[in-house]
Protein backbone atom coordinates (compact mmCIF):
# COMPACT_ATOMS: atom_id res chain seq x y z
CA MET A 1 181.92 145.12 105.47
CA ASN A 2 184.28 147.11 105.97
CA PHE A 3 186.85 143.99 105.39
CA ARG A 4 187.13 141.15 103.09
CA ILE A 5 189.51 138.28 102.92
CA GLY A 6 190.62 136.57 99.77
CA VAL A 7 192.72 133.35 99.73
CA GLY A 8 194.43 132.24 95.73
CA TYR A 9 196.25 129.07 94.77
CA ASP A 10 198.07 128.41 91.48
CA VAL A 11 200.50 125.70 90.26
CA HIS A 12 202.27 125.76 87.10
CA ARG A 13 204.33 123.00 85.98
CA LEU A 14 207.59 123.25 85.23
CA ALA A 15 210.13 122.83 82.28
CA GLU A 16 213.31 122.53 80.51
CA GLY A 17 213.76 126.31 78.61
CA GLU A 18 211.16 127.99 80.03
CA SER A 19 211.62 131.13 81.61
CA LEU A 20 211.34 131.71 85.45
CA TRP A 21 209.23 134.56 86.73
CA LEU A 22 208.46 134.73 90.10
CA GLY A 23 206.69 138.11 92.06
CA GLY A 24 207.21 139.86 88.68
CA ILE A 25 211.24 139.43 88.18
CA LEU A 26 213.08 136.31 86.19
CA ILE A 27 214.64 133.68 88.16
CA PRO A 28 217.57 132.15 86.86
CA HIS A 29 216.99 128.56 86.76
CA HIS A 30 217.43 125.82 84.02
CA LYS A 31 213.34 125.34 84.38
CA GLY A 32 210.41 127.62 84.16
CA THR A 33 206.78 127.75 84.13
CA VAL A 34 204.28 126.20 81.24
CA ALA A 35 202.01 128.69 80.81
CA HIS A 36 199.51 130.69 78.21
CA SER A 37 200.82 133.87 80.21
CA ASP A 38 204.53 134.22 81.41
CA GLY A 39 203.32 131.78 84.07
CA ASP A 40 204.26 134.20 87.23
CA VAL A 41 202.71 131.40 90.03
CA VAL A 42 203.28 134.13 92.73
CA ILE A 43 201.17 136.93 90.67
CA HIS A 44 198.10 134.75 90.00
CA ALA A 45 197.72 133.70 93.36
CA ILE A 46 197.67 137.21 94.34
CA CYS A 47 195.36 138.02 91.81
CA ASP A 48 192.63 135.23 92.72
CA ALA A 49 193.09 136.23 96.16
CA MET A 50 192.22 139.76 95.44
CA LEU A 51 189.32 138.56 92.90
CA GLY A 52 188.03 136.19 95.18
CA ALA A 53 187.93 138.65 98.40
CA LEU A 54 185.15 140.58 96.36
CA LYS A 55 183.66 137.38 94.65
CA LEU A 56 184.97 138.75 91.56
CA ARG A 57 185.11 135.09 90.10
CA ASP A 58 189.21 134.12 89.63
CA ILE A 59 192.08 135.03 87.18
CA GLY A 60 191.19 132.44 84.27
CA THR A 61 187.33 134.03 84.37
CA ASN A 62 188.43 137.46 84.15
CA PHE A 63 191.92 136.66 81.77
CA PRO A 64 191.15 133.51 79.73
CA ASP A 65 193.87 131.16 78.89
CA THR A 66 191.84 131.03 75.87
CA ALA A 67 192.61 134.66 74.88
CA ALA A 68 194.79 135.69 72.50
CA GLU A 69 195.22 138.97 74.06
CA TYR A 70 196.69 137.23 77.55
CA LYS A 71 199.36 134.93 75.09
CA ASP A 72 202.67 135.26 76.92
CA ILE A 73 201.42 138.70 78.72
CA ASP A 74 203.44 140.16 81.72
CA SER A 75 201.72 138.48 84.96
CA LYS A 76 202.07 142.48 86.07
CA ILE A 77 199.74 143.96 83.69
CA LEU A 78 197.74 141.16 85.28
CA LEU A 79 198.09 141.87 88.65
CA ALA A 80 197.52 145.51 88.10
CA ARG A 81 194.11 145.21 86.33
CA SER A 82 192.99 143.13 89.43
CA TYR A 83 193.79 145.64 91.56
CA ASP A 84 191.45 147.86 89.10
CA LEU A 85 188.96 145.53 89.66
CA VAL A 86 189.05 145.86 93.49
CA LYS A 87 189.57 149.82 93.20
CA GLU A 88 186.81 149.93 91.38
CA LYS A 89 184.47 148.01 94.34
CA GLY A 90 185.84 150.61 96.62
CA TYR A 91 188.22 148.47 98.70
CA SER A 92 192.39 148.70 99.03
CA ILE A 93 194.72 146.40 100.26
CA VAL A 94 195.99 145.98 103.75
CA ASN A 95 198.02 143.43 103.27
CA ILE A 96 199.18 140.81 101.29
CA ASP A 97 201.19 137.02 102.68
CA ALA A 98 202.04 134.86 99.48
CA SER A 99 203.90 131.23 99.78
CA ILE A 100 205.90 129.73 97.66
CA SER A 101 206.31 125.97 97.69
CA ALA A 102 209.64 124.84 95.22
CA GLN A 103 212.37 122.78 95.70
CA GLN A 104 214.92 124.86 93.71
CA PRO A 105 215.54 127.57 92.77
CA LYS A 106 216.38 128.53 96.54
CA LEU A 107 214.44 131.81 96.47
CA LYS A 108 215.76 133.65 99.71
CA PRO A 109 218.00 136.09 98.24
CA TYR A 110 214.82 137.33 95.49
CA ILE A 111 212.30 137.93 97.71
CA PRO A 112 212.77 141.31 98.87
CA GLN A 113 212.89 142.35 95.29
CA MET A 114 209.76 140.70 94.74
CA GLU A 115 207.92 142.13 97.24
CA GLN A 116 209.71 145.78 95.64
CA THR A 117 208.14 144.50 92.41
CA MET A 118 204.95 143.76 93.62
CA ALA A 119 204.48 146.64 95.93
CA ASP A 120 205.64 149.42 93.12
CA VAL A 121 202.80 147.77 90.41
CA LEU A 122 199.94 147.67 93.23
CA GLY A 123 200.69 151.21 94.72
CA ILE A 124 201.51 150.09 98.27
CA ASP A 125 203.94 149.68 100.89
CA VAL A 126 206.48 146.86 100.58
CA ASP A 127 205.80 146.10 104.17
CA CYS A 128 202.45 145.58 103.03
CA LEU A 129 203.30 142.48 101.11
CA SER A 130 205.23 139.55 102.57
CA VAL A 131 206.56 136.74 100.43
CA LYS A 132 208.00 133.52 101.91
CA ALA A 133 209.45 130.59 99.64
CA THR A 134 209.92 126.98 101.43
CA THR A 135 210.38 123.15 99.73
CA THR A 136 208.63 120.13 100.33
CA GLU A 137 211.49 118.15 101.66
CA THR A 138 211.60 116.42 98.34
CA LEU A 139 208.18 115.10 98.63
CA GLY A 140 205.49 115.78 96.07
CA PHE A 141 205.56 117.25 92.76
CA GLU A 142 207.15 120.14 93.94
CA GLY A 143 210.17 118.28 95.92
CA ARG A 144 210.54 116.14 92.35
CA GLU A 145 211.10 119.60 90.84
CA GLU A 146 207.97 118.85 88.61
CA GLY A 147 205.89 122.55 89.51
CA ILE A 148 205.64 125.51 91.46
CA SER A 149 202.56 126.21 93.48
CA VAL A 150 202.16 129.14 95.87
CA THR A 151 199.32 129.95 98.30
CA ALA A 152 198.12 133.75 98.77
CA VAL A 153 196.15 135.85 101.05
CA VAL A 154 195.18 139.21 101.50
CA LEU A 155 193.06 141.34 103.46
CA LEU A 156 190.97 144.50 101.95
CA GLN A 157 189.78 147.15 103.58
CA LYS A 158 186.50 149.66 101.77
CA ALA A 159 188.28 152.90 101.06
């Protein structure tokens, strides 16, 4: 099989006093994600998409939140390690598309930096990685600013 597609989804609760890491960069906001790692939902969803495409389970299986070594880990490390697993199977990234759902903060100004940061970690052209952000028009847990969710899709190709 020459191509594999994976879908990833992640959610983290928001709380006052926490840091908000999205797409490998720190976003200034009065709330941040509650998590065992740095809580970067964008990277976590992308990791799940890559791992799932090759039937390598998910981020929680490969990097369990019960392991002390992953406490407060920079998710860019998890992104690199996930891609290492993909490359070990003989695949490379064709493209990645991720959609962030959050009422606040407004993320548009940060998207180019997120894309470049993650592309650099993965060693891919920034044009192969797309990040979008949307609100839920104040509906649901994202709209109430209780959490952030991300859906990501990745296309892999046999090297």
